[in-house]
Amino acid sequence: MKARLYIDEDSMSHALVDALRARGVDVATPLDVDLMGAQDEEQLIFAANSGRVIFSFNIGDFFGLHTEWQSLGRNRAGIILAQQQQVSIGDLMRRLLKLLANKSAESMHNQVEFLSAWS
């Protein structure tokens, strides 16, 4: 089964969201689910409860949450992290599509992927 994405507020780009949706990716954003301004853990809770892999540029906070949740045995659909401004929207899209084509929703469960590994 293909992973479904939740793009957090810090990483939300209308161009990226539109490009992914145009290519058949199931994407939700804080704008879609009325979570604009929510804290990072609230975003992760939503993603976990809805079975969505969260994508964020906020590496420090979300890697910290991953570590904390891992130690507590809390489940999540997965986390994808990328450095902001490192690549263009087109490159982000291509890397996300490559990752999603190679990793199933099941293989992303409770995992962290760094988008830099998917060039």
PDB file of N, CA and C in Angstrom:
ATOM      1  N   MET A   1       0.839  -1.178   0.000  1.00  0.00           N
ATOM      2  CA  MET A   1       0.000   0.000   0.000  1.00  0.00           C
ATOM      3  C   MET A   1       0.887   1.245   0.000  1.00  0.00           C
ATOM      4  N   LYS A   2       0.494   2.225  -0.797  1.00  0.00           N
ATOM      5  CA  LYS A   2       1.273   3.466  -0.883  1.00  0.00           C
ATOM      6  C   LYS A   2       1.072   4.309   0.364  1.00  0.00           C
ATOM      7  N   ALA A   3       2.145   4.950   0.773  1.00  0.00           N
ATOM      8  CA  ALA A   3       2.078   5.861   1.913  1.00  0.00           C
ATOM      9  C   ALA A   3       1.300   7.110   1.530  1.00  0.00           C
ATOM     10  N   ARG A   4       0.539   7.616   2.478  1.00  0.00           N
ATOM     11  CA  ARG A   4      -0.173   8.881   2.311  1.00  0.00           C
ATOM     12  C   ARG A   4       0.595   9.933   3.098  1.00  0.00           C
ATOM     13  N   LEU A   5       0.666  11.143   2.568  1.00  0.00           N
ATOM     14  CA  LEU A   5       1.480  12.198   3.177  1.00  0.00           C
ATOM     15  C   LEU A   5       0.662  13.223   3.941  1.00  0.00           C
ATOM     16  N   TYR A   6       1.305  13.766   4.950  1.00  0.00           N
ATOM     17  CA  TYR A   6       0.820  14.953   5.642  1.00  0.00           C
ATOM     18  C   TYR A   6       1.998  15.918   5.658  1.00  0.00           C
ATOM     19  N   ILE A   7       1.865  17.041   4.975  1.00  0.00           N
ATOM     20  CA  ILE A   7       2.952  18.021   4.885  1.00  0.00           C
ATOM     21  C   ILE A   7       2.709  19.078   5.952  1.00  0.00           C
ATOM     22  N   ASP A   8       3.626  19.186   6.897  1.00  0.00           N
ATOM     23  CA  ASP A   8       3.411  20.106   8.017  1.00  0.00           C
ATOM     24  C   ASP A   8       3.475  21.565   7.568  1.00  0.00           C
ATOM     25  N   GLU A   9       3.067  22.434   8.444  1.00  0.00           N
ATOM     26  CA  GLU A   9       2.927  23.854   8.108  1.00  0.00           C
ATOM     27  C   GLU A   9       4.244  24.484   7.663  1.00  0.00           C
ATOM     28  N   ASP A  10       5.351  24.110   8.310  1.00  0.00           N
ATOM     29  CA  ASP A  10       6.654  24.680   7.958  1.00  0.00           C
ATOM     30  C   ASP A  10       7.094  24.299   6.545  1.00  0.00           C
ATOM     31  N   SER A  11       6.613  23.176   6.066  1.00  0.00           N
ATOM     32  CA  SER A  11       7.053  22.650   4.769  1.00  0.00           C
ATOM     33  C   SER A  11       6.007  22.793   3.679  1.00  0.00           C
ATOM     34  N   MET A  12       4.856  23.315   4.052  1.00  0.00           N
ATOM     35  CA  MET A  12       3.736  23.393   3.130  1.00  0.00           C
ATOM     36  C   MET A  12       3.996  24.425   2.031  1.00  0.00           C
ATOM     37  N   SER A  13       4.049  23.942   0.829  1.00  0.00           N
ATOM     38  CA  SER A  13       4.176  24.786  -0.359  1.00  0.00           C
ATOM     39  C   SER A  13       3.042  24.403  -1.287  1.00  0.00           C
ATOM     40  N   HIS A  14       2.256  25.372  -1.694  1.00  0.00           N
ATOM     41  CA  HIS A  14       1.140  25.062  -2.588  1.00  0.00           C
ATOM     42  C   HIS A  14       1.632  24.419  -3.879  1.00  0.00           C
ATOM     43  N   ALA A  15       2.768  24.881  -4.377  1.00  0.00           N
ATOM     44  CA  ALA A  15       3.317  24.312  -5.612  1.00  0.00           C
ATOM     45  C   ALA A  15       3.676  22.838  -5.420  1.00  0.00           C
ATOM     46  N   LEU A  16       4.312  22.508  -4.286  1.00  0.00           N
ATOM     47  CA  LEU A  16       4.676  21.124  -4.008  1.00  0.00           C
ATOM     48  C   LEU A  16       3.436  20.261  -3.819  1.00  0.00           C
ATOM     49  N   VAL A  17       2.493  20.737  -3.030  1.00  0.00           N
ATOM     50  CA  VAL A  17       1.258  19.988  -2.780  1.00  0.00           C
ATOM     51  C   VAL A  17       0.516  19.739  -4.086  1.00  0.00           C
ATOM     52  N   ASP A  18       0.366  20.772  -4.893  1.00  0.00           N
ATOM     53  CA  ASP A  18      -0.337  20.630  -6.179  1.00  0.00           C
ATOM     54  C   ASP A  18       0.383  19.655  -7.104  1.00  0.00           C
ATOM     55  N   ALA A  19       1.710  19.732  -7.159  1.00  0.00           N
ATOM     56  CA  ALA A  19       2.484  18.838  -8.027  1.00  0.00           C
ATOM     57  C   ALA A  19       2.345  17.383  -7.584  1.00  0.00           C
ATOM     58  N   LEU A  20       2.394  17.137  -6.273  1.00  0.00           N
ATOM     59  CA  LEU A  20       2.248  15.771  -5.769  1.00  0.00           C
ATOM     60  C   LEU A  20       0.835  15.245  -6.036  1.00  0.00           C
ATOM     61  N   ARG A  21      -0.160  16.077  -5.785  1.00  0.00           N
ATOM     62  CA  ARG A  21      -1.549  15.652  -6.034  1.00  0.00           C
ATOM     63  C   ARG A  21      -1.781  15.362  -7.514  1.00  0.00           C
ATOM     64  N   ALA A  22      -1.173  16.162  -8.379  1.00  0.00           N
ATOM     65  CA  ALA A  22      -1.316  15.947  -9.821  1.00  0.00           C
ATOM     66  C   ALA A  22      -0.711  14.607 -10.246  1.00  0.00           C
ATOM     67  N   ARG A  23       0.196  14.097  -9.450  1.00  0.00           N
ATOM     68  CA  ARG A  23       0.840  12.810  -9.744  1.00  0.00           C
ATOM     69  C   ARG A  23       0.235  11.673  -8.927  1.00  0.00           C
ATOM     70  N   GLY A  24      -0.933  11.923  -8.341  1.00  0.00           N
ATOM     71  CA  GLY A  24      -1.685  10.858  -7.679  1.00  0.00           C
ATOM     72  C   GLY A  24      -1.332  10.594  -6.232  1.00  0.00           C
ATOM     73  N   VAL A  25      -0.540  11.454  -5.616  1.00  0.00           N
ATOM     74  CA  VAL A  25      -0.174  11.252  -4.214  1.00  0.00           C
ATOM     75  C   VAL A  25      -1.287  11.809  -3.329  1.00  0.00           C
ATOM     76  N   ASP A  26      -1.677  11.035  -2.331  1.00  0.00           N
ATOM     77  CA  ASP A  26      -2.678  11.458  -1.353  1.00  0.00           C
ATOM     78  C   ASP A  26      -1.964  12.349  -0.338  1.00  0.00           C
ATOM     79  N   VAL A  27      -2.240  13.653  -0.399  1.00  0.00           N
ATOM     80  CA  VAL A  27      -1.555  14.644   0.442  1.00  0.00           C
ATOM     81  C   VAL A  27      -2.583  15.438   1.235  1.00  0.00           C
ATOM     82  N   ALA A  28      -2.315  15.602   2.518  1.00  0.00           N
ATOM     83  CA  ALA A  28      -3.105  16.493   3.367  1.00  0.00           C
ATOM     84  C   ALA A  28      -2.166  17.532   3.957  1.00  0.00           C
ATOM     85  N   THR A  29      -2.713  18.691   4.262  1.00  0.00           N
ATOM     86  CA  THR A  29      -1.942  19.781   4.864  1.00  0.00           C
ATOM     87  C   THR A  29      -2.691  20.313   6.085  1.00  0.00           C
ATOM     88  N   PRO A  30      -2.019  21.080   6.937  1.00  0.00           N
ATOM     89  CA  PRO A  30      -2.716  21.694   8.072  1.00  0.00           C
ATOM     90  C   PRO A  30      -3.886  22.571   7.632  1.00  0.00           C
ATOM     91  N   LEU A  31      -3.767  23.179   6.482  1.00  0.00           N
ATOM     92  CA  LEU A  31      -4.853  23.996   5.950  1.00  0.00           C
ATOM     93  C   LEU A  31      -6.088  23.141   5.660  1.00  0.00           C
ATOM     94  N   ASP A  32      -5.858  21.935   5.143  1.00  0.00           N
ATOM     95  CA  ASP A  32      -6.954  21.017   4.813  1.00  0.00           C
ATOM     96  C   ASP A  32      -7.695  20.520   6.052  1.00  0.00           C
ATOM     97  N   VAL A  33      -6.964  20.354   7.151  1.00  0.00           N
ATOM     98  CA  VAL A  33      -7.538  19.697   8.341  1.00  0.00           C
ATOM     99  C   VAL A  33      -7.657  20.632   9.538  1.00  0.00           C
ATOM    100  N   ASP A  34      -7.581  21.932   9.286  1.00  0.00           N
ATOM    101  CA  ASP A  34      -7.771  22.953  10.313  1.00  0.00           C
ATOM    102  C   ASP A  34      -6.760  22.824  11.468  1.00  0.00           C
ATOM    103  N   LEU A  35      -5.483  22.652  11.113  1.00  0.00           N
ATOM    104  CA  LEU A  35      -4.431  22.577  12.124  1.00  0.00           C
ATOM    105  C   LEU A  35      -3.364  23.656  11.936  1.00  0.00           C
ATOM    106  N   MET A  36      -3.711  24.735  11.245  1.00  0.00           N
ATOM    107  CA  MET A  36      -2.759  25.831  11.073  1.00  0.00           C
ATOM    108  C   MET A  36      -2.397  26.382  12.456  1.00  0.00           C
ATOM    109  N   GLY A  37      -1.114  26.553  12.709  1.00  0.00           N
ATOM    110  CA  GLY A  37      -0.644  27.086  13.978  1.00  0.00           C
ATOM    111  C   GLY A  37      -0.506  26.056  15.084  1.00  0.00           C
ATOM    112  N   ALA A  38      -0.837  24.798  14.804  1.00  0.00           N
ATOM    113  CA  ALA A  38      -0.724  23.746  15.820  1.00  0.00           C
ATOM    114  C   ALA A  38       0.749  23.432  16.096  1.00  0.00           C
ATOM    115  N   GLN A  39       1.017  22.996  17.294  1.00  0.00           N
ATOM    116  CA  GLN A  39       2.372  22.614  17.695  1.00  0.00           C
ATOM    117  C   GLN A  39       2.806  21.357  16.934  1.00  0.00           C
ATOM    118  N   ASP A  40       4.121  21.124  16.876  1.00  0.00           N
ATOM    119  CA  ASP A  40       4.669  19.983  16.134  1.00  0.00           C
ATOM    120  C   ASP A  40       4.087  18.656  16.610  1.00  0.00           C
ATOM    121  N   GLU A  41       3.982  18.477  17.914  1.00  0.00           N
ATOM    122  CA  GLU A  41       3.465  17.194  18.410  1.00  0.00           C
ATOM    123  C   GLU A  41       2.003  17.009  18.021  1.00  0.00           C
ATOM    124  N   GLU A  42       1.220  18.083  17.997  1.00  0.00           N
ATOM    125  CA  GLU A  42      -0.164  17.987  17.537  1.00  0.00           C
ATOM    126  C   GLU A  42      -0.209  17.554  16.079  1.00  0.00           C
ATOM    127  N   GLN A  43       0.715  18.082  15.275  1.00  0.00           N
ATOM    128  CA  GLN A  43       0.791  17.704  13.860  1.00  0.00           C
ATOM    129  C   GLN A  43       1.121  16.213  13.735  1.00  0.00           C
ATOM    130  N   LEU A  44       2.075  15.758  14.549  1.00  0.00           N
ATOM    131  CA  LEU A  44       2.475  14.352  14.508  1.00  0.00           C
ATOM    132  C   LEU A  44       1.348  13.451  14.994  1.00  0.00           C
ATOM    133  N   ILE A  45       0.626  13.881  16.011  1.00  0.00           N
ATOM    134  CA  ILE A  45      -0.518  13.107  16.507  1.00  0.00           C
ATOM    135  C   ILE A  45      -1.562  12.961  15.405  1.00  0.00           C
ATOM    136  N   PHE A  46      -1.873  14.074  14.723  1.00  0.00           N
ATOM    137  CA  PHE A  46      -2.833  13.986  13.618  1.00  0.00           C
ATOM    138  C   PHE A  46      -2.342  12.998  12.563  1.00  0.00           C
ATOM    139  N   ALA A  47      -1.084  13.138  12.151  1.00  0.00           N
ATOM    140  CA  ALA A  47      -0.538  12.257  11.114  1.00  0.00           C
ATOM    141  C   ALA A  47      -0.608  10.798  11.559  1.00  0.00           C
ATOM    142  N   ALA A  48      -0.229  10.529  12.793  1.00  0.00           N
ATOM    143  CA  ALA A  48      -0.253   9.154  13.308  1.00  0.00           C
ATOM    144  C   ALA A  48      -1.673   8.602  13.330  1.00  0.00           C
ATOM    145  N   ASN A  49      -2.615   9.400  13.830  1.00  0.00           N
ATOM    146  CA  ASN A  49      -4.003   8.947  13.936  1.00  0.00           C
ATOM    147  C   ASN A  49      -4.667   8.747  12.581  1.00  0.00           C
ATOM    148  N   SER A  50      -4.206   9.466  11.575  1.00  0.00           N
ATOM    149  CA  SER A  50      -4.797   9.336  10.239  1.00  0.00           C
ATOM    150  C   SER A  50      -3.973   8.440   9.317  1.00  0.00           C
ATOM    151  N   GLY A  51      -2.908   7.830   9.844  1.00  0.00           N
ATOM    152  CA  GLY A  51      -2.097   6.913   9.055  1.00  0.00           C
ATOM    153  C   GLY A  51      -1.314   7.590   7.955  1.00  0.00           C
ATOM    154  N   ARG A  52      -0.887   8.833   8.211  1.00  0.00           N
ATOM    155  CA  ARG A  52      -0.143   9.597   7.213  1.00  0.00           C
ATOM    156  C   ARG A  52       1.312   9.785   7.647  1.00  0.00           C
ATOM    157  N   VAL A  53       2.205   9.668   6.689  1.00  0.00           N
ATOM    158  CA  VAL A  53       3.620   9.951   6.908  1.00  0.00           C
ATOM    159  C   VAL A  53       3.776  11.466   6.885  1.00  0.00           C
ATOM    160  N   ILE A  54       4.390  12.018   7.924  1.00  0.00           N
ATOM    161  CA  ILE A  54       4.553  13.468   7.985  1.00  0.00           C
ATOM    162  C   ILE A  54       5.849  13.868   7.289  1.00  0.00           C
ATOM    163  N   PHE A  55       5.779  14.945   6.510  1.00  0.00           N
ATOM    164  CA  PHE A  55       6.956  15.513   5.845  1.00  0.00           C
ATOM    165  C   PHE A  55       7.211  16.882   6.432  1.00  0.00           C
ATOM    166  N   SER A  56       8.474  17.133   6.810  1.00  0.00           N
ATOM    167  CA  SER A  56       8.797  18.417   7.436  1.00  0.00           C
ATOM    168  C   SER A  56      10.235  18.831   7.161  1.00  0.00           C
ATOM    169  N   PHE A  57      10.446  20.152   7.174  1.00  0.00           N
ATOM    170  CA  PHE A  57      11.791  20.725   7.146  1.00  0.00           C
ATOM    171  C   PHE A  57      12.334  20.868   8.573  1.00  0.00           C
ATOM    172  N   ASN A  58      11.483  20.685   9.557  1.00  0.00           N
ATOM    173  CA  ASN A  58      11.843  20.902  10.956  1.00  0.00           C
ATOM    174  C   ASN A  58      12.540  19.658  11.510  1.00  0.00           C
ATOM    175  N   ILE A  59      13.777  19.462  11.087  1.00  0.00           N
ATOM    176  CA  ILE A  59      14.520  18.247  11.408  1.00  0.00           C
ATOM    177  C   ILE A  59      14.720  18.073  12.911  1.00  0.00           C
ATOM    178  N   GLY A  60      15.179  19.120  13.587  1.00  0.00           N
ATOM    179  CA  GLY A  60      15.481  19.009  15.010  1.00  0.00           C
ATOM    180  C   GLY A  60      14.286  18.602  15.842  1.00  0.00           C
ATOM    181  N   ASP A  61      13.178  19.299  15.668  1.00  0.00           N
ATOM    182  CA  ASP A  61      11.993  19.009  16.484  1.00  0.00           C
ATOM    183  C   ASP A  61      11.390  17.647  16.160  1.00  0.00           C
ATOM    184  N   PHE A  62      11.262  17.328  14.872  1.00  0.00           N
ATOM    185  CA  PHE A  62      10.617  16.066  14.529  1.00  0.00           C
ATOM    186  C   PHE A  62      11.514  14.860  14.774  1.00  0.00           C
ATOM    187  N   PHE A  63      12.827  15.013  14.654  1.00  0.00           N
ATOM    188  CA  PHE A  63      13.700  13.893  15.013  1.00  0.00           C
ATOM    189  C   PHE A  63      13.651  13.672  16.519  1.00  0.00           C
ATOM    190  N   GLY A  64      13.566  14.777  17.274  1.00  0.00           N
ATOM    191  CA  GLY A  64      13.403  14.669  18.723  1.00  0.00           C
ATOM    192  C   GLY A  64      12.103  13.969  19.090  1.00  0.00           C
ATOM    193  N   LEU A  65      11.021  14.328  18.419  1.00  0.00           N
ATOM    194  CA  LEU A  65       9.737  13.662  18.666  1.00  0.00           C
ATOM    195  C   LEU A  65       9.808  12.183  18.285  1.00  0.00           C
ATOM    196  N   HIS A  66      10.467  11.877  17.181  1.00  0.00           N
ATOM    197  CA  HIS A  66      10.638  10.482  16.772  1.00  0.00           C
ATOM    198  C   HIS A  66      11.336   9.697  17.883  1.00  0.00           C
ATOM    199  N   THR A  67      12.432  10.242  18.405  1.00  0.00           N
ATOM    200  CA  THR A  67      13.195   9.570  19.453  1.00  0.00           C
ATOM    201  C   THR A  67      12.341   9.382  20.708  1.00  0.00           C
ATOM    202  N   GLU A  68      11.615  10.435  21.089  1.00  0.00           N
ATOM    203  CA  GLU A  68      10.753  10.364  22.274  1.00  0.00           C
ATOM    204  C   GLU A  68       9.653   9.322  22.090  1.00  0.00           C
ATOM    205  N   TRP A  69       8.971   9.383  20.949  1.00  0.00           N
ATOM    206  CA  TRP A  69       7.887   8.435  20.702  1.00  0.00           C
ATOM    207  C   TRP A  69       8.414   7.004  20.624  1.00  0.00           C
ATOM    208  N   GLN A  70       9.601   6.833  20.037  1.00  0.00           N
ATOM    209  CA  GLN A  70      10.211   5.503  19.943  1.00  0.00           C
ATOM    210  C   GLN A  70      10.434   4.940  21.346  1.00  0.00           C
ATOM    211  N   SER A  71      10.969   5.767  22.242  1.00  0.00           N
ATOM    212  CA  SER A  71      11.253   5.299  23.604  1.00  0.00           C
ATOM    213  C   SER A  71       9.978   4.989  24.382  1.00  0.00           C
ATOM    214  N   LEU A  72       8.878   5.646  24.036  1.00  0.00           N
ATOM    215  CA  LEU A  72       7.592   5.425  24.703  1.00  0.00           C
ATOM    216  C   LEU A  72       6.751   4.339  24.027  1.00  0.00           C
ATOM    217  N   GLY A  73       7.231   3.834  22.899  1.00  0.00           N
ATOM    218  CA  GLY A  73       6.494   2.808  22.165  1.00  0.00           C
ATOM    219  C   GLY A  73       5.267   3.344  21.445  1.00  0.00           C
ATOM    220  N   ARG A  74       5.264   4.637  21.150  1.00  0.00           N
ATOM    221  CA  ARG A  74       4.131   5.255  20.446  1.00  0.00           C
ATOM    222  C   ARG A  74       4.308   5.059  18.943  1.00  0.00           C
ATOM    223  N   ASN A  75       3.250   4.643  18.284  1.00  0.00           N
ATOM    224  CA  ASN A  75       3.290   4.366  16.852  1.00  0.00           C
ATOM    225  C   ASN A  75       3.004   5.601  16.018  1.00  0.00           C
ATOM    226  N   ARG A  76       3.608   5.634  14.852  1.00  0.00           N
ATOM    227  CA  ARG A  76       3.349   6.682  13.870  1.00  0.00           C
ATOM    228  C   ARG A  76       3.557   6.066  12.488  1.00  0.00           C
ATOM    229  N   ALA A  77       2.977   6.723  11.492  1.00  0.00           N
ATOM    230  CA  ALA A  77       3.054   6.188  10.130  1.00  0.00           C
ATOM    231  C   ALA A  77       4.423   6.403   9.507  1.00  0.00           C
ATOM    232  N   GLY A  78       5.220   7.288  10.085  1.00  0.00           N
ATOM    233  CA  GLY A  78       6.558   7.578   9.579  1.00  0.00           C
ATOM    234  C   GLY A  78       6.786   9.069   9.480  1.00  0.00           C
ATOM    235  N   ILE A  79       8.056   9.414   9.334  1.00  0.00           N
ATOM    236  CA  ILE A  79       8.460  10.816   9.237  1.00  0.00           C
ATOM    237  C   ILE A  79       9.478  10.931   8.104  1.00  0.00           C
ATOM    238  N   ILE A  80       9.296  11.942   7.264  1.00  0.00           N
ATOM    239  CA  ILE A  80      10.267  12.265   6.216  1.00  0.00           C
ATOM    240  C   ILE A  80      10.788  13.663   6.530  1.00  0.00           C
ATOM    241  N   LEU A  81      12.102  13.791   6.612  1.00  0.00           N
ATOM    242  CA  LEU A  81      12.722  15.070   6.954  1.00  0.00           C
ATOM    243  C   LEU A  81      13.636  15.548   5.841  1.00  0.00           C
ATOM    244  N   ALA A  82      13.630  16.859   5.624  1.00  0.00           N
ATOM    245  CA  ALA A  82      14.493  17.465   4.600  1.00  0.00           C
ATOM    246  C   ALA A  82      14.981  18.814   5.090  1.00  0.00           C
ATOM    247  N   GLN A  83      16.151  19.218   4.605  1.00  0.00           N
ATOM    248  CA  GLN A  83      16.672  20.541   4.933  1.00  0.00           C
ATOM    249  C   GLN A  83      15.987  21.577   4.061  1.00  0.00           C
ATOM    250  N   GLN A  84      15.504  22.632   4.699  1.00  0.00           N
ATOM    251  CA  GLN A  84      14.828  23.702   3.982  1.00  0.00           C
ATOM    252  C   GLN A  84      15.818  24.418   3.063  1.00  0.00           C
ATOM    253  N   GLN A  85      15.353  24.807   1.903  1.00  0.00           N
ATOM    254  CA  GLN A  85      16.114  25.577   0.922  1.00  0.00           C
ATOM    255  C   GLN A  85      17.294  24.815   0.330  1.00  0.00           C
ATOM    256  N   GLN A  86      17.431  23.530   0.645  1.00  0.00           N
ATOM    257  CA  GLN A  86      18.544  22.767   0.080  1.00  0.00           C
ATOM    258  C   GLN A  86      18.285  22.436  -1.394  1.00  0.00           C
ATOM    259  N   VAL A  87      17.022  22.190  -1.744  1.00  0.00           N
ATOM    260  CA  VAL A  87      16.687  21.816  -3.116  1.00  0.00           C
ATOM    261  C   VAL A  87      15.440  22.561  -3.581  1.00  0.00           C
ATOM    262  N   SER A  88      15.229  22.580  -4.880  1.00  0.00           N
ATOM    263  CA  SER A  88      14.068  23.249  -5.464  1.00  0.00           C
ATOM    264  C   SER A  88      12.793  22.449  -5.193  1.00  0.00           C
ATOM    265  N   ILE A  89      11.655  23.080  -5.427  1.00  0.00           N
ATOM    266  CA  ILE A  89      10.372  22.394  -5.296  1.00  0.00           C
ATOM    267  C   ILE A  89      10.326  21.180  -6.223  1.00  0.00           C
ATOM    268  N   GLY A  90      10.820  21.335  -7.451  1.00  0.00           N
ATOM    269  CA  GLY A  90      10.845  20.224  -8.395  1.00  0.00           C
ATOM    270  C   GLY A  90      11.670  19.065  -7.887  1.00  0.00           C
ATOM    271  N   ASP A  91      12.816  19.369  -7.299  1.00  0.00           N
ATOM    272  CA  ASP A  91      13.675  18.319  -6.764  1.00  0.00           C
ATOM    273  C   ASP A  91      13.035  17.673  -5.535  1.00  0.00           C
ATOM    274  N   LEU A  92      12.404  18.467  -4.691  1.00  0.00           N
ATOM    275  CA  LEU A  92      11.688  17.901  -3.540  1.00  0.00           C
ATOM    276  C   LEU A  92      10.634  16.913  -4.023  1.00  0.00           C
ATOM    277  N   MET A  93       9.865  17.323  -5.021  1.00  0.00           N
ATOM    278  CA  MET A  93       8.815  16.473  -5.555  1.00  0.00           C
ATOM    279  C   MET A  93       9.398  15.171  -6.104  1.00  0.00           C
ATOM    280  N   ARG A  94      10.450  15.275  -6.904  1.00  0.00           N
ATOM    281  CA  ARG A  94      11.060  14.073  -7.482  1.00  0.00           C
ATOM    282  C   ARG A  94      11.580  13.129  -6.396  1.00  0.00           C
ATOM    283  N   ARG A  95      12.216  13.693  -5.378  1.00  0.00           N
ATOM    284  CA  ARG A  95      12.735  12.853  -4.286  1.00  0.00           C
ATOM    285  C   ARG A  95      11.601  12.202  -3.499  1.00  0.00           C
ATOM    286  N   LEU A  96      10.556  12.969  -3.215  1.00  0.00           N
ATOM    287  CA  LEU A  96       9.410  12.391  -2.507  1.00  0.00           C
ATOM    288  C   LEU A  96       8.763  11.287  -3.342  1.00  0.00           C
ATOM    289  N   LEU A  97       8.590  11.516  -4.636  1.00  0.00           N
ATOM    290  CA  LEU A  97       8.002  10.493  -5.500  1.00  0.00           C
ATOM    291  C   LEU A  97       8.873   9.238  -5.546  1.00  0.00           C
ATOM    292  N   LYS A  98      10.174   9.416  -5.596  1.00  0.00           N
ATOM    293  CA  LYS A  98      11.088   8.267  -5.607  1.00  0.00           C
ATOM    294  C   LYS A  98      10.976   7.482  -4.303  1.00  0.00           C
ATOM    295  N   LEU A  99      10.968   8.189  -3.182  1.00  0.00           N
ATOM    296  CA  LEU A  99      10.833   7.538  -1.885  1.00  0.00           C
ATOM    297  C   LEU A  99       9.514   6.774  -1.811  1.00  0.00           C
ATOM    298  N   LEU A 100       8.409   7.437  -2.200  1.00  0.00           N
ATOM    299  CA  LEU A 100       7.093   6.807  -2.125  1.00  0.00           C
ATOM    300  C   LEU A 100       6.961   5.621  -3.069  1.00  0.00           C
ATOM    301  N   ALA A 101       7.682   5.638  -4.181  1.00  0.00           N
ATOM    302  CA  ALA A 101       7.650   4.514  -5.117  1.00  0.00           C
ATOM    303  C   ALA A 101       8.428   3.315  -4.586  1.00  0.00           C
ATOM    304  N   ASN A 102       9.377   3.573  -3.688  1.00  0.00           N
ATOM    305  CA  ASN A 102      10.248   2.504  -3.203  1.00  0.00           C
ATOM    306  C   ASN A 102       9.958   2.041  -1.780  1.00  0.00           C
ATOM    307  N   LYS A 103       9.179   2.809  -1.045  1.00  0.00           N
ATOM    308  CA  LYS A 103       8.868   2.456   0.348  1.00  0.00           C
ATOM    309  C   LYS A 103       7.354   2.377   0.508  1.00  0.00           C
ATOM    310  N   SER A 104       6.876   1.254   0.971  1.00  0.00           N
ATOM    311  CA  SER A 104       5.439   1.100   1.204  1.00  0.00           C
ATOM    312  C   SER A 104       5.056   1.786   2.515  1.00  0.00           C
ATOM    313  N   ALA A 105       3.766   1.966   2.697  1.00  0.00           N
ATOM    314  CA  ALA A 105       3.273   2.530   3.956  1.00  0.00           C
ATOM    315  C   ALA A 105       3.735   1.663   5.125  1.00  0.00           C
ATOM    316  N   GLU A 106       3.702   0.362   4.940  1.00  0.00           N
ATOM    317  CA  GLU A 106       4.105  -0.560   6.004  1.00  0.00           C
ATOM    318  C   GLU A 106       5.587  -0.415   6.351  1.00  0.00           C
ATOM    319  N   SER A 107       6.428  -0.232   5.342  1.00  0.00           N
ATOM    320  CA  SER A 107       7.871  -0.121   5.611  1.00  0.00           C
ATOM    321  C   SER A 107       8.247   1.236   6.206  1.00  0.00           C
ATOM    322  N   MET A 108       7.361   2.218   6.098  1.00  0.00           N
ATOM    323  CA  MET A 108       7.607   3.539   6.700  1.00  0.00           C
ATOM    324  C   MET A 108       7.180   3.595   8.162  1.00  0.00           C
ATOM    325  N   HIS A 109       6.365   2.641   8.592  1.00  0.00           N
ATOM    326  CA  HIS A 109       5.808   2.633   9.939  1.00  0.00           C
ATOM    327  C   HIS A 109       6.911   2.790  11.001  1.00  0.00           C
ATOM    328  N   ASN A 110       6.790   3.825  11.821  1.00  0.00           N
ATOM    329  CA  ASN A 110       7.713   4.129  12.924  1.00  0.00           C
ATOM    330  C   ASN A 110       9.138   4.463  12.474  1.00  0.00           C
ATOM    331  N   GLN A 111       9.330   4.778  11.199  1.00  0.00           N
ATOM    332  CA  GLN A 111      10.657   5.069  10.665  1.00  0.00           C
ATOM    333  C   GLN A 111      10.824   6.558  10.363  1.00  0.00           C
ATOM    334  N   VAL A 112      12.088   6.967  10.272  1.00  0.00           N
ATOM    335  CA  VAL A 112      12.443   8.304   9.802  1.00  0.00           C
ATOM    336  C   VAL A 112      13.261   8.127   8.529  1.00  0.00           C
ATOM    337  N   GLU A 113      12.896   8.870   7.503  1.00  0.00           N
ATOM    338  CA  GLU A 113      13.652   8.906   6.264  1.00  0.00           C
ATOM    339  C   GLU A 113      14.153  10.333   6.053  1.00  0.00           C
ATOM    340  N   PHE A 114      15.408  10.464   5.642  1.00  0.00           N
ATOM    341  CA  PHE A 114      15.960  11.760   5.296  1.00  0.00           C
ATOM    342  C   PHE A 114      15.914  11.882   3.774  1.00  0.00           C
ATOM    343  N   LEU A 115      15.246  12.910   3.281  1.00  0.00           N
ATOM    344  CA  LEU A 115      15.037  13.056   1.854  1.00  0.00           C
ATOM    345  C   LEU A 115      16.357  13.211   1.100  1.00  0.00           C
ATOM    346  N   SER A 116      17.392  13.651   1.773  1.00  0.00           N
ATOM    347  CA  SER A 116      18.699  13.799   1.124  1.00  0.00           C
ATOM    348  C   SER A 116      19.241  12.454   0.612  1.00  0.00           C
ATOM    349  N   ALA A 117      18.758  11.355   1.163  1.00  0.00           N
ATOM    350  CA  ALA A 117      19.204  10.029   0.730  1.00  0.00           C
ATOM    351  C   ALA A 117      18.517   9.579  -0.556  1.00  0.00           C
ATOM    352  N   TRP A 118      17.532  10.351  -1.034  1.00  0.00           N
ATOM    353  CA  TRP A 118      16.716   9.948  -2.182  1.00  0.00           C
ATOM    354  C   TRP A 118      16.951  10.864  -3.381  1.00  0.00           C
ATOM    355  N   SER A 119      18.202  11.114  -3.697  1.00  0.00           N
ATOM    356  CA  SER A 119      18.505  11.978  -4.852  1.00  0.00           C
ATOM    357  C   SER A 119      18.533  11.210  -6.140  1.00  0.00           C
TER     358      SER A 119
END
